[in-house]
PDB file of N, CA and C in Angstrom:
ATOM      1  N   MET A   1     -23.797 -11.937 -21.691  1.00  0.00           N
ATOM      2  CA  MET A   1     -22.785 -12.864 -21.203  1.00  0.00           C
ATOM      3  C   MET A   1     -21.469 -12.129 -20.940  1.00  0.00           C
ATOM      4  N   HIS A   2     -21.042 -11.296 -21.892  1.00  0.00           N
ATOM      5  CA  HIS A   2     -19.787 -10.572 -21.735  1.00  0.00           C
ATOM      6  C   HIS A   2     -19.836  -9.620 -20.538  1.00  0.00           C
ATOM      7  N   GLU A   3     -20.992  -9.012 -20.277  1.00  0.00           N
ATOM      8  CA  GLU A   3     -21.133  -8.104 -19.138  1.00  0.00           C
ATOM      9  C   GLU A   3     -20.954  -8.842 -17.822  1.00  0.00           C
ATOM     10  N   LYS A   4     -21.522 -10.067 -17.723  1.00  0.00           N
ATOM     11  CA  LYS A   4     -21.349 -10.852 -16.498  1.00  0.00           C
ATOM     12  C   LYS A   4     -19.888 -11.222 -16.287  1.00  0.00           C
ATOM     13  N   LEU A   5     -19.216 -11.600 -17.369  1.00  0.00           N
ATOM     14  CA  LEU A   5     -17.814 -11.980 -17.263  1.00  0.00           C
ATOM     15  C   LEU A   5     -16.964 -10.796 -16.828  1.00  0.00           C
ATOM     16  N   SER A   6     -17.201  -9.638 -17.388  1.00  0.00           N
ATOM     17  CA  SER A   6     -16.411  -8.472 -17.008  1.00  0.00           C
ATOM     18  C   SER A   6     -16.729  -8.023 -15.584  1.00  0.00           C
ATOM     19  N   THR A   7     -17.941  -8.273 -15.117  1.00  0.00           N
ATOM     20  CA  THR A   7     -18.319  -7.909 -13.758  1.00  0.00           C
ATOM     21  C   THR A   7     -17.749  -8.876 -12.736  1.00  0.00           C
ATOM     22  N   TRP A   8     -17.817 -10.156 -13.000  1.00  0.00           N
ATOM     23  CA  TRP A   8     -17.439 -11.182 -12.030  1.00  0.00           C
ATOM     24  C   TRP A   8     -16.118 -11.886 -12.353  1.00  0.00           C
ATOM     25  N   GLY A   9     -15.525 -11.592 -13.493  1.00  0.00           N
ATOM     26  CA  GLY A   9     -14.314 -12.302 -13.921  1.00  0.00           C
ATOM     27  C   GLY A   9     -13.123 -12.123 -13.001  1.00  0.00           C
ATOM     28  N   SER A  10     -13.012 -10.965 -12.361  1.00  0.00           N
ATOM     29  CA  SER A  10     -11.864 -10.717 -11.486  1.00  0.00           C
ATOM     30  C   SER A  10     -12.080 -11.236 -10.065  1.00  0.00           C
ATOM     31  N   LEU A  11     -13.275 -11.695  -9.753  1.00  0.00           N
ATOM     32  CA  LEU A  11     -13.575 -12.143  -8.388  1.00  0.00           C
ATOM     33  C   LEU A  11     -12.642 -13.249  -7.897  1.00  0.00           C
ATOM     34  N   PRO A  12     -12.417 -14.327  -8.655  1.00  0.00           N
ATOM     35  CA  PRO A  12     -11.513 -15.369  -8.141  1.00  0.00           C
ATOM     36  C   PRO A  12     -10.104 -14.848  -7.851  1.00  0.00           C
ATOM     37  N   LEU A  13      -9.583 -13.990  -8.716  1.00  0.00           N
ATOM     38  CA  LEU A  13      -8.252 -13.436  -8.503  1.00  0.00           C
ATOM     39  C   LEU A  13      -8.222 -12.548  -7.263  1.00  0.00           C
ATOM     40  N   ARG A  14      -9.234 -11.712  -7.106  1.00  0.00           N
ATOM     41  CA  ARG A  14      -9.300 -10.860  -5.913  1.00  0.00           C
ATOM     42  C   ARG A  14      -9.388 -11.683  -4.643  1.00  0.00           C
ATOM     43  N   LEU A  15     -10.191 -12.752  -4.662  1.00  0.00           N
ATOM     44  CA  LEU A  15     -10.323 -13.601  -3.469  1.00  0.00           C
ATOM     45  C   LEU A  15      -9.009 -14.297  -3.123  1.00  0.00           C
ATOM     46  N   ILE A  16      -8.358 -14.853  -4.119  1.00  0.00           N
ATOM     47  CA  ILE A  16      -7.089 -15.557  -3.882  1.00  0.00           C
ATOM     48  C   ILE A  16      -6.025 -14.588  -3.371  1.00  0.00           C
ATOM     49  N   LEU A  17      -5.881 -13.444  -4.030  1.00  0.00           N
ATOM     50  CA  LEU A  17      -4.874 -12.475  -3.601  1.00  0.00           C
ATOM     51  C   LEU A  17      -5.219 -11.864  -2.247  1.00  0.00           C
ATOM     52  N   GLY A  18      -6.495 -11.557  -2.034  1.00  0.00           N
ATOM     53  CA  GLY A  18      -6.909 -10.990  -0.755  1.00  0.00           C
ATOM     54  C   GLY A  18      -6.607 -11.924   0.401  1.00  0.00           C
ATOM     55  N   ILE A  19      -6.973 -13.185   0.262  1.00  0.00           N
ATOM     56  CA  ILE A  19      -6.705 -14.170   1.312  1.00  0.00           C
ATOM     57  C   ILE A  19      -5.199 -14.343   1.505  1.00  0.00           C
ATOM     58  N   SER A  20      -4.448 -14.388   0.416  1.00  0.00           N
ATOM     59  CA  SER A  20      -2.992 -14.560   0.507  1.00  0.00           C
ATOM     60  C   SER A  20      -2.333 -13.405   1.252  1.00  0.00           C
ATOM     61  N   PHE A  21      -2.721 -12.186   0.935  1.00  0.00           N
ATOM     62  CA  PHE A  21      -2.104 -11.048   1.608  1.00  0.00           C
ATOM     63  C   PHE A  21      -2.524 -10.962   3.068  1.00  0.00           C
ATOM     64  N   ILE A  22      -3.756 -11.278   3.383  1.00  0.00           N
ATOM     65  CA  ILE A  22      -4.177 -11.307   4.785  1.00  0.00           C
ATOM     66  C   ILE A  22      -3.379 -12.362   5.537  1.00  0.00           C
ATOM     67  N   TYR A  23      -3.227 -13.532   4.927  1.00  0.00           N
ATOM     68  CA  TYR A  23      -2.489 -14.640   5.544  1.00  0.00           C
ATOM     69  C   TYR A  23      -1.038 -14.245   5.841  1.00  0.00           C
ATOM     70  N   HIS A  24      -0.407 -13.510   4.919  1.00  0.00           N
ATOM     71  CA  HIS A  24       0.984 -13.124   5.119  1.00  0.00           C
ATOM     72  C   HIS A  24       1.136 -11.869   5.977  1.00  0.00           C
ATOM     73  N   GLY A  25       0.151 -11.012   6.000  1.00  0.00           N
ATOM     74  CA  GLY A  25       0.246  -9.783   6.779  1.00  0.00           C
ATOM     75  C   GLY A  25      -0.196  -9.925   8.224  1.00  0.00           C
ATOM     76  N   TYR A  26      -1.131 -10.823   8.488  1.00  0.00           N
ATOM     77  CA  TYR A  26      -1.699 -10.964   9.830  1.00  0.00           C
ATOM     78  C   TYR A  26      -0.645 -11.252  10.904  1.00  0.00           C
ATOM     79  N   PRO A  27       0.293 -12.175  10.698  1.00  0.00           N
ATOM     80  CA  PRO A  27       1.300 -12.420  11.747  1.00  0.00           C
ATOM     81  C   PRO A  27       2.177 -11.206  12.039  1.00  0.00           C
ATOM     82  N   LYS A  28       2.305 -10.308  11.090  1.00  0.00           N
ATOM     83  CA  LYS A  28       3.144  -9.120  11.283  1.00  0.00           C
ATOM     84  C   LYS A  28       2.496  -8.110  12.213  1.00  0.00           C
ATOM     85  N   VAL A  29       1.177  -8.168  12.342  1.00  0.00           N
ATOM     86  CA  VAL A  29       0.475  -7.194  13.186  1.00  0.00           C
ATOM     87  C   VAL A  29      -0.281  -7.827  14.351  1.00  0.00           C
ATOM     88  N   SER A  30      -0.391  -9.135  14.381  1.00  0.00           N
ATOM     89  CA  SER A  30      -1.228  -9.773  15.406  1.00  0.00           C
ATOM     90  C   SER A  30      -0.470 -10.229  16.638  1.00  0.00           C
ATOM     91  N   SER A  31       0.840 -10.356  16.540  1.00  0.00           N
ATOM     92  CA  SER A  31       1.599 -10.796  17.712  1.00  0.00           C
ATOM     93  C   SER A  31       2.926 -10.057  17.771  1.00  0.00           C
ATOM     94  N   ALA A  32       3.395  -9.859  18.983  1.00  0.00           N
ATOM     95  CA  ALA A  32       4.672  -9.174  19.168  1.00  0.00           C
ATOM     96  C   ALA A  32       5.813  -9.992  18.575  1.00  0.00           C
ATOM     97  N   ALA A  33       5.752 -11.300  18.726  1.00  0.00           N
ATOM     98  CA  ALA A  33       6.817 -12.162  18.204  1.00  0.00           C
ATOM     99  C   ALA A  33       6.854 -12.122  16.677  1.00  0.00           C
ATOM    100  N   GLY A  34       5.695 -12.202  16.035  1.00  0.00           N
ATOM    101  CA  GLY A  34       5.643 -12.142  14.582  1.00  0.00           C
ATOM    102  C   GLY A  34       6.122 -10.813  14.051  1.00  0.00           C
ATOM    103  N   HIS A  35       5.710  -9.750  14.738  1.00  0.00           N
ATOM    104  CA  HIS A  35       6.137  -8.406  14.325  1.00  0.00           C
ATOM    105  C   HIS A  35       7.648  -8.262  14.490  1.00  0.00           C
ATOM    106  N   GLN A  36       8.179  -8.700  15.615  1.00  0.00           N
ATOM    107  CA  GLN A  36       9.609  -8.548  15.872  1.00  0.00           C
ATOM    108  C   GLN A  36      10.451  -9.376  14.914  1.00  0.00           C
ATOM    109  N   THR A  37       9.973 -10.567  14.567  1.00  0.00           N
ATOM    110  CA  THR A  37      10.691 -11.408  13.606  1.00  0.00           C
ATOM    111  C   THR A  37      10.782 -10.703  12.255  1.00  0.00           C
ATOM    112  N   PHE A  38       9.677 -10.120  11.820  1.00  0.00           N
ATOM    113  CA  PHE A  38       9.680  -9.421  10.539  1.00  0.00           C
ATOM    114  C   PHE A  38      10.525  -8.155  10.608  1.00  0.00           C
ATOM    115  N   ALA A  39      10.439  -7.410  11.716  1.00  0.00           N
ATOM    116  CA  ALA A  39      11.257  -6.202  11.868  1.00  0.00           C
ATOM    117  C   ALA A  39      12.742  -6.557  11.859  1.00  0.00           C
ATOM    118  N   THR A  40      13.106  -7.671  12.469  1.00  0.00           N
ATOM    119  CA  THR A  40      14.501  -8.123  12.461  1.00  0.00           C
ATOM    120  C   THR A  40      14.952  -8.461  11.046  1.00  0.00           C
ATOM    121  N   LEU A  41      14.079  -9.110  10.280  1.00  0.00           N
ATOM    122  CA  LEU A  41      14.396  -9.413   8.883  1.00  0.00           C
ATOM    123  C   LEU A  41      14.616  -8.116   8.103  1.00  0.00           C
ATOM    124  N   LEU A  42      13.735  -7.138   8.304  1.00  0.00           N
ATOM    125  CA  LEU A  42      13.870  -5.860   7.601  1.00  0.00           C
ATOM    126  C   LEU A  42      15.172  -5.157   7.977  1.00  0.00           C
ATOM    127  N   ALA A  43      15.530  -5.188   9.252  1.00  0.00           N
ATOM    128  CA  ALA A  43      16.787  -4.574   9.690  1.00  0.00           C
ATOM    129  C   ALA A  43      17.972  -5.276   9.029  1.00  0.00           C
ATOM    130  N   GLY A  44      17.886  -6.584   8.895  1.00  0.00           N
ATOM    131  CA  GLY A  44      18.967  -7.357   8.311  1.00  0.00           C
ATOM    132  C   GLY A  44      19.205  -7.079   6.841  1.00  0.00           C
ATOM    133  N   ILE A  45      18.197  -6.588   6.159  1.00  0.00           N
ATOM    134  CA  ILE A  45      18.371  -6.285   4.727  1.00  0.00           C
ATOM    135  C   ILE A  45      18.492  -4.786   4.473  1.00  0.00           C
ATOM    136  N   GLY A  46      18.606  -4.020   5.553  1.00  0.00           N
ATOM    137  CA  GLY A  46      18.892  -2.591   5.407  1.00  0.00           C
ATOM    138  C   GLY A  46      17.704  -1.696   5.145  1.00  0.00           C
ATOM    139  N   ILE A  47      16.505  -2.134   5.486  1.00  0.00           N
ATOM    140  CA  ILE A  47      15.323  -1.278   5.331  1.00  0.00           C
ATOM    141  C   ILE A  47      15.331  -0.240   6.454  1.00  0.00           C
ATOM    142  N   PRO A  48      15.146   1.040   6.136  1.00  0.00           N
ATOM    143  CA  PRO A  48      15.148   2.059   7.187  1.00  0.00           C
ATOM    144  C   PRO A  48      13.936   1.938   8.113  1.00  0.00           C
ATOM    145  N   ALA A  49      14.134   2.318   9.365  1.00  0.00           N
ATOM    146  CA  ALA A  49      13.089   2.274  10.405  1.00  0.00           C
ATOM    147  C   ALA A  49      12.351   0.935  10.375  1.00  0.00           C
ATOM    148  N   PRO A  50      13.061  -0.166  10.627  1.00  0.00           N
ATOM    149  CA  PRO A  50      12.461  -1.488  10.446  1.00  0.00           C
ATOM    150  C   PRO A  50      11.229  -1.751  11.312  1.00  0.00           C
ATOM    151  N   ASP A  51      11.195  -1.213  12.533  1.00  0.00           N
ATOM    152  CA  ASP A  51      10.037  -1.458  13.388  1.00  0.00           C
ATOM    153  C   ASP A  51       8.790  -0.785  12.828  1.00  0.00           C
ATOM    154  N   LEU A  52       8.915   0.476  12.449  1.00  0.00           N
ATOM    155  CA  LEU A  52       7.790   1.198  11.843  1.00  0.00           C
ATOM    156  C   LEU A  52       7.407   0.591  10.500  1.00  0.00           C
ATOM    157  N   THR A  53       8.406   0.275   9.697  1.00  0.00           N
ATOM    158  CA  THR A  53       8.150  -0.311   8.384  1.00  0.00           C
ATOM    159  C   THR A  53       7.425  -1.648   8.510  1.00  0.00           C
ATOM    160  N   ALA A  54       7.783  -2.448   9.517  1.00  0.00           N
ATOM    161  CA  ALA A  54       7.108  -3.734   9.731  1.00  0.00           C
ATOM    162  C   ALA A  54       5.621  -3.519  10.009  1.00  0.00           C
ATOM    163  N   TRP A  55       5.299  -2.490  10.811  1.00  0.00           N
ATOM    164  CA  TRP A  55       3.886  -2.193  11.073  1.00  0.00           C
ATOM    165  C   TRP A  55       3.179  -1.740   9.807  1.00  0.00           C
ATOM    166  N   VAL A  56       3.816  -0.849   9.065  1.00  0.00           N
ATOM    167  CA  VAL A  56       3.203  -0.326   7.837  1.00  0.00           C
ATOM    168  C   VAL A  56       2.935  -1.461   6.849  1.00  0.00           C
ATOM    169  N   VAL A  57       3.927  -2.321   6.644  1.00  0.00           N
ATOM    170  CA  VAL A  57       3.763  -3.434   5.703  1.00  0.00           C
ATOM    171  C   VAL A  57       2.650  -4.373   6.161  1.00  0.00           C
ATOM    172  N   GLY A  58       2.630  -4.703   7.447  1.00  0.00           N
ATOM    173  CA  GLY A  58       1.578  -5.587   7.966  1.00  0.00           C
ATOM    174  C   GLY A  58       0.191  -4.998   7.801  1.00  0.00           C
ATOM    175  N   VAL A  59       0.053  -3.725   8.136  1.00  0.00           N
ATOM    176  CA  VAL A  59      -1.259  -3.068   8.010  1.00  0.00           C
ATOM    177  C   VAL A  59      -1.673  -2.969   6.541  1.00  0.00           C
ATOM    178  N   VAL A  60      -0.731  -2.640   5.671  1.00  0.00           N
ATOM    179  CA  VAL A  60      -1.046  -2.563   4.239  1.00  0.00           C
ATOM    180  C   VAL A  60      -1.482  -3.927   3.722  1.00  0.00           C
ATOM    181  N   GLU A  61      -0.751  -4.987   4.067  1.00  0.00           N
ATOM    182  CA  GLU A  61      -1.094  -6.315   3.566  1.00  0.00           C
ATOM    183  C   GLU A  61      -2.459  -6.772   4.067  1.00  0.00           C
ATOM    184  N   VAL A  62      -2.747  -6.554   5.339  1.00  0.00           N
ATOM    185  CA  VAL A  62      -4.052  -6.961   5.874  1.00  0.00           C
ATOM    186  C   VAL A  62      -5.161  -6.056   5.342  1.00  0.00           C
ATOM    187  N   GLY A  63      -4.959  -4.757   5.417  1.00  0.00           N
ATOM    188  CA  GLY A  63      -5.989  -3.814   4.974  1.00  0.00           C
ATOM    189  C   GLY A  63      -6.295  -3.919   3.493  1.00  0.00           C
ATOM    190  N   ALA A  64      -5.257  -3.970   2.687  1.00  0.00           N
ATOM    191  CA  ALA A  64      -5.467  -4.086   1.241  1.00  0.00           C
ATOM    192  C   ALA A  64      -6.025  -5.464   0.889  1.00  0.00           C
ATOM    193  N   GLY A  65      -5.630  -6.494   1.629  1.00  0.00           N
ATOM    194  CA  GLY A  65      -6.196  -7.824   1.406  1.00  0.00           C
ATOM    195  C   GLY A  65      -7.687  -7.848   1.665  1.00  0.00           C
ATOM    196  N   VAL A  66      -8.105  -7.207   2.745  1.00  0.00           N
ATOM    197  CA  VAL A  66      -9.541  -7.111   3.050  1.00  0.00           C
ATOM    198  C   VAL A  66     -10.246  -6.305   1.967  1.00  0.00           C
ATOM    199  N   ALA A  67      -9.622  -5.209   1.532  1.00  0.00           N
ATOM    200  CA  ALA A  67     -10.223  -4.392   0.469  1.00  0.00           C
ATOM    201  C   ALA A  67     -10.422  -5.214  -0.800  1.00  0.00           C
ATOM    202  N   LEU A  68      -9.436  -6.040  -1.150  1.00  0.00           N
ATOM    203  CA  LEU A  68      -9.594  -6.894  -2.328  1.00  0.00           C
ATOM    204  C   LEU A  68     -10.731  -7.888  -2.137  1.00  0.00           C
ATOM    205  N   LEU A  69     -10.825  -8.454  -0.943  1.00  0.00           N
ATOM    206  CA  LEU A  69     -11.894  -9.431  -0.677  1.00  0.00           C
ATOM    207  C   LEU A  69     -13.281  -8.840  -0.858  1.00  0.00           C
ATOM    208  N   ILE A  70     -13.471  -7.639  -0.341  1.00  0.00           N
ATOM    209  CA  ILE A  70     -14.805  -7.051  -0.404  1.00  0.00           C
ATOM    210  C   ILE A  70     -15.022  -6.202  -1.654  1.00  0.00           C
ATOM    211  N   GLY A  71     -13.951  -5.983  -2.423  1.00  0.00           N
ATOM    212  CA  GLY A  71     -14.088  -5.235  -3.670  1.00  0.00           C
ATOM    213  C   GLY A  71     -14.134  -3.735  -3.490  1.00  0.00           C
ATOM    214  N   ALA A  72     -13.579  -3.232  -2.401  1.00  0.00           N
ATOM    215  CA  ALA A  72     -13.573  -1.797  -2.139  1.00  0.00           C
ATOM    216  C   ALA A  72     -12.166  -1.245  -2.339  1.00  0.00           C
ATOM    217  N   PHE A  73     -12.059  -0.099  -2.957  1.00  0.00           N
ATOM    218  CA  PHE A  73     -10.773   0.572  -3.160  1.00  0.00           C
ATOM    219  C   PHE A  73      -9.749  -0.364  -3.814  1.00  0.00           C
ATOM    220  N   VAL A  74     -10.197  -1.138  -4.780  1.00  0.00           N
ATOM    221  CA  VAL A  74      -9.349  -2.165  -5.392  1.00  0.00           C
ATOM    222  C   VAL A  74      -8.129  -1.553  -6.069  1.00  0.00           C
ATOM    223  N   VAL A  75      -8.280  -0.440  -6.741  1.00  0.00           N
ATOM    224  CA  VAL A  75      -7.146   0.177  -7.426  1.00  0.00           C
ATOM    225  C   VAL A  75      -6.117   0.670  -6.406  1.00  0.00           C
ATOM    226  N   CYS A  76      -6.567   1.366  -5.371  1.00  0.00           N
ATOM    227  CA  CYS A  76      -5.650   1.855  -4.330  1.00  0.00           C
ATOM    228  C   CYS A  76      -4.957   0.692  -3.628  1.00  0.00           C
ATOM    229  N   ALA A  77      -5.728  -0.330  -3.285  1.00  0.00           N
ATOM    230  CA  ALA A  77      -5.163  -1.509  -2.625  1.00  0.00           C
ATOM    231  C   ALA A  77      -4.135  -2.183  -3.524  1.00  0.00           C
ATOM    232  N   SER A  78      -4.432  -2.267  -4.794  1.00  0.00           N
ATOM    233  CA  SER A  78      -3.518  -2.913  -5.741  1.00  0.00           C
ATOM    234  C   SER A  78      -2.215  -2.146  -5.884  1.00  0.00           C
ATOM    235  N   VAL A  79      -2.292  -0.830  -5.904  1.00  0.00           N
ATOM    236  CA  VAL A  79      -1.083  -0.012  -6.010  1.00  0.00           C
ATOM    237  C   VAL A  79      -0.211  -0.204  -4.762  1.00  0.00           C
ATOM    238  N   LEU A  80      -0.821  -0.173  -3.579  1.00  0.00           N
ATOM    239  CA  LEU A  80      -0.061  -0.368  -2.344  1.00  0.00           C
ATOM    240  C   LEU A  80       0.583  -1.755  -2.296  1.00  0.00           C
ATOM    241  N   LEU A  81      -0.163  -2.764  -2.702  1.00  0.00           N
ATOM    242  CA  LEU A  81       0.371  -4.124  -2.695  1.00  0.00           C
ATOM    243  C   LEU A  81       1.457  -4.303  -3.760  1.00  0.00           C
ATOM    244  N   ALA A  82       1.322  -3.627  -4.889  1.00  0.00           N
ATOM    245  CA  ALA A  82       2.354  -3.698  -5.923  1.00  0.00           C
ATOM    246  C   ALA A  82       3.663  -3.080  -5.415  1.00  0.00           C
ATOM    247  N   ILE A  83       3.563  -1.962  -4.719  1.00  0.00           N
ATOM    248  CA  ILE A  83       4.754  -1.343  -4.126  1.00  0.00           C
ATOM    249  C   ILE A  83       5.377  -2.289  -3.104  1.00  0.00           C
ATOM    250  N   ASP A  84       4.557  -2.869  -2.253  1.00  0.00           N
ATOM    251  CA  ASP A  84       5.003  -3.846  -1.250  1.00  0.00           C
ATOM    252  C   ASP A  84       5.765  -4.994  -1.917  1.00  0.00           C
ATOM    253  N   MET A  85       5.204  -5.526  -2.982  1.00  0.00           N
ATOM    254  CA  MET A  85       5.816  -6.670  -3.653  1.00  0.00           C
ATOM    255  C   MET A  85       7.060  -6.280  -4.454  1.00  0.00           C
ATOM    256  N   LEU A  86       7.100  -5.074  -5.000  1.00  0.00           N
ATOM    257  CA  LEU A  86       8.305  -4.620  -5.703  1.00  0.00           C
ATOM    258  C   LEU A  86       9.480  -4.462  -4.738  1.00  0.00           C
ATOM    259  N   VAL A  87       9.210  -3.921  -3.550  1.00  0.00           N
ATOM    260  CA  VAL A  87      10.273  -3.824  -2.540  1.00  0.00           C
ATOM    261  C   VAL A  87      10.740  -5.223  -2.148  1.00  0.00           C
ATOM    262  N   ALA A  88       9.806  -6.135  -1.922  1.00  0.00           N
ATOM    263  CA  ALA A  88      10.182  -7.515  -1.586  1.00  0.00           C
ATOM    264  C   ALA A  88      10.981  -8.150  -2.722  1.00  0.00           C
ATOM    265  N   LEU A  89      10.582  -7.895  -3.935  1.00  0.00           N
ATOM    266  CA  LEU A  89      11.287  -8.453  -5.090  1.00  0.00           C
ATOM    267  C   LEU A  89      12.736  -7.990  -5.131  1.00  0.00           C
ATOM    268  N   PHE A  90      12.961  -6.673  -5.024  1.00  0.00           N
ATOM    269  CA  PHE A  90      14.306  -6.142  -5.201  1.00  0.00           C
ATOM    270  C   PHE A  90      15.169  -6.230  -3.948  1.00  0.00           C
ATOM    271  N   LYS A  91      14.575  -6.170  -2.768  1.00  0.00           N
ATOM    272  CA  LYS A  91      15.379  -6.192  -1.548  1.00  0.00           C
ATOM    273  C   LYS A  91      15.575  -7.596  -0.978  1.00  0.00           C
ATOM    274  N   VAL A  92      14.675  -8.531  -1.258  1.00  0.00           N
ATOM    275  CA  VAL A  92      14.768  -9.859  -0.651  1.00  0.00           C
ATOM    276  C   VAL A  92      14.949 -10.936  -1.709  1.00  0.00           C
ATOM    277  N   HIS A  93      13.984 -11.102  -2.550  1.00  0.00           N
ATOM    278  CA  HIS A  93      13.936 -12.266  -3.430  1.00  0.00           C
ATOM    279  C   HIS A  93      14.956 -12.235  -4.565  1.00  0.00           C
ATOM    280  N   LEU A  94      15.231 -11.087  -5.132  1.00  0.00           N
ATOM    281  CA  LEU A  94      16.196 -11.012  -6.214  1.00  0.00           C
ATOM    282  C   LEU A  94      17.590 -11.418  -5.729  1.00  0.00           C
ATOM    283  N   ALA A  95      17.975 -10.919  -4.560  1.00  0.00           N
ATOM    284  CA  ALA A  95      19.287 -11.240  -3.991  1.00  0.00           C
ATOM    285  C   ALA A  95      19.392 -12.706  -3.577  1.00  0.00           C
ATOM    286  N   ALA A  96      18.276 -13.329  -3.236  1.00  0.00           N
ATOM    287  CA  ALA A  96      18.283 -14.723  -2.781  1.00  0.00           C
ATOM    288  C   ALA A  96      18.007 -15.700  -3.914  1.00  0.00           C
ATOM    289  N   GLY A  97      17.870 -15.215  -5.118  1.00  0.00           N
ATOM    290  CA  GLY A  97      17.617 -16.103  -6.244  1.00  0.00           C
ATOM    291  C   GLY A  97      16.207 -16.644  -6.282  1.00  0.00           C
ATOM    292  N   PHE A  98      15.258 -15.899  -5.779  1.00  0.00           N
ATOM    293  CA  PHE A  98      13.839 -16.247  -5.789  1.00  0.00           C
ATOM    294  C   PHE A  98      13.532 -17.541  -5.043  1.00  0.00           C
ATOM    295  N   SER A  99      14.320 -17.869  -4.048  1.00  0.00           N
ATOM    296  CA  SER A  99      14.035 -19.031  -3.216  1.00  0.00           C
ATOM    297  C   SER A  99      12.881 -18.686  -2.284  1.00  0.00           C
ATOM    298  N   LEU A 100      11.843 -19.497  -2.283  1.00  0.00           N
ATOM    299  CA  LEU A 100      10.697 -19.231  -1.420  1.00  0.00           C
ATOM    300  C   LEU A 100      10.951 -19.674   0.010  1.00  0.00           C
ATOM    301  N   ILE A 101      11.951 -20.503   0.219  1.00  0.00           N
ATOM    302  CA  ILE A 101      12.217 -21.038   1.550  1.00  0.00           C
ATOM    303  C   ILE A 101      13.413 -20.356   2.189  1.00  0.00           C
ATOM    304  N   ASN A 102      14.464 -20.157   1.459  1.00  0.00           N
ATOM    305  CA  ASN A 102      15.713 -19.679   2.020  1.00  0.00           C
ATOM    306  C   ASN A 102      15.951 -18.220   1.636  1.00  0.00           C
ATOM    307  N   ILE A 103      15.339 -17.295   2.386  1.00  0.00           N
ATOM    308  CA  ILE A 103      15.559 -15.881   2.121  1.00  0.00           C
ATOM    309  C   ILE A 103      16.534 -15.340   3.158  1.00  0.00           C
ATOM    310  N   LYS A 104      16.979 -14.124   2.935  1.00  0.00           N
ATOM    311  CA  LYS A 104      17.905 -13.521   3.892  1.00  0.00           C
ATOM    312  C   LYS A 104      17.303 -13.559   5.284  1.00  0.00           C
ATOM    313  N   SER A 105      18.143 -13.800   6.255  1.00  0.00           N
ATOM    314  CA  SER A 105      17.823 -13.929   7.678  1.00  0.00           C
ATOM    315  C   SER A 105      16.935 -15.121   7.964  1.00  0.00           C
ATOM    316  N   MET A 106      16.990 -16.131   7.099  1.00  0.00           N
ATOM    317  CA  MET A 106      16.328 -17.396   7.374  1.00  0.00           C
ATOM    318  C   MET A 106      17.326 -18.505   7.103  1.00  0.00           C
ATOM    319  N   GLY A 107      17.203 -19.572   7.823  1.00  0.00           N
ATOM    320  CA  GLY A 107      18.111 -20.685   7.658  1.00  0.00           C
ATOM    321  C   GLY A 107      17.762 -21.531   6.448  1.00  0.00           C
ATOM    322  N   SER A 108      18.602 -22.507   6.159  1.00  0.00           N
ATOM    323  CA  SER A 108      18.404 -23.344   4.973  1.00  0.00           C
ATOM    324  C   SER A 108      17.145 -24.191   5.077  1.00  0.00           C
ATOM    325  N   ARG A 109      16.645 -24.417   6.295  1.00  0.00           N
ATOM    326  CA  ARG A 109      15.401 -25.180   6.454  1.00  0.00           C
ATOM    327  C   ARG A 109      14.187 -24.261   6.579  1.00  0.00           C
ATOM    328  N   GLY A 110      14.384 -22.968   6.385  1.00  0.00           N
ATOM    329  CA  GLY A 110      13.272 -22.028   6.387  1.00  0.00           C
ATOM    330  C   GLY A 110      12.913 -21.477   7.744  1.00  0.00           C
ATOM    331  N   SER A 111      13.578 -21.913   8.800  1.00  0.00           N
ATOM    332  CA  SER A 111      13.232 -21.416  10.130  1.00  0.00           C
ATOM    333  C   SER A 111      13.814 -20.024  10.335  1.00  0.00           C
ATOM    334  N   SER A 112      13.095 -19.183  11.055  1.00  0.00           N
ATOM    335  CA  SER A 112      13.556 -17.834  11.288  1.00  0.00           C
ATOM    336  C   SER A 112      14.745 -17.838  12.226  1.00  0.00           C
ATOM    337  N   LEU A 113      15.729 -17.082  11.879  1.00  0.00           N
ATOM    338  CA  LEU A 113      16.923 -16.944  12.702  1.00  0.00           C
ATOM    339  C   LEU A 113      17.175 -15.473  12.928  1.00  0.00           C
ATOM    340  N   PRO A 114      17.879 -15.113  14.011  1.00  0.00           N
ATOM    341  CA  PRO A 114      18.272 -13.729  14.125  1.00  0.00           C
ATOM    342  C   PRO A 114      19.137 -13.367  12.926  1.00  0.00           C
ATOM    343  N   VAL A 115      19.084 -12.155  12.516  1.00  0.00           N
ATOM    344  CA  VAL A 115      19.694 -11.681  11.277  1.00  0.00           C
ATOM    345  C   VAL A 115      21.035 -12.359  11.001  1.00  0.00           C
ATOM    346  N   CYS A 116      21.043 -13.283  10.063  1.00  0.00           N
ATOM    347  CA  CYS A 116      22.267 -13.948   9.607  1.00  0.00           C
ATOM    348  C   CYS A 116      22.036 -14.378   8.169  1.00  0.00           C
ATOM    349  N   ARG A 117      23.095 -14.668   7.498  1.00  0.00           N
ATOM    350  CA  ARG A 117      22.973 -15.063   6.103  1.00  0.00           C
ATOM    351  C   ARG A 117      23.639 -16.415   5.920  1.00  0.00           C
ATOM    352  N   ASP A 118      23.022 -17.271   5.132  1.00  0.00           N
ATOM    353  CA  ASP A 118      23.632 -18.561   4.820  1.00  0.00           C
ATOM    354  C   ASP A 118      24.893 -18.339   4.006  1.00  0.00           C
ATOM    355  N   THR A 119      25.841 -19.217   4.172  1.00  0.00           N
ATOM    356  CA  THR A 119      27.098 -19.089   3.442  1.00  0.00           C
ATOM    357  C   THR A 119      27.169 -20.011   2.248  1.00  0.00           C
ATOM    358  N   ASN A 120      26.069 -20.735   1.923  1.00  0.00           N
ATOM    359  CA  ASN A 120      26.085 -21.665   0.788  1.00  0.00           C
ATOM    360  C   ASN A 120      26.226 -20.899  -0.487  1.00  0.00           C
TER     361      ASN A 120
END
């Protein structure tokens, strides 16, 4: 029983995280508008080479998400995603007070705006 749990116990977490990262990374690499919106956000928070960084982040999120789904290179994928999330934590969410809707370069209703910051 314990062997089955240790073998299959992480599957639900991998599936949820894999789908979540694919869902968030796909718009960054699948359309010019989605990529440009994310690159503009990165430029607004001072990330270097925002256009290249937007591609790297999108590819990492989609690629590592797929790796988590299929159970391949899980440790490598997890390290890349942890780095991705730590940068998001310190550069975006910490400064915005962990608001899931109102982050830098987004309006109070969550809609994407050209790089601007709310004054509230």
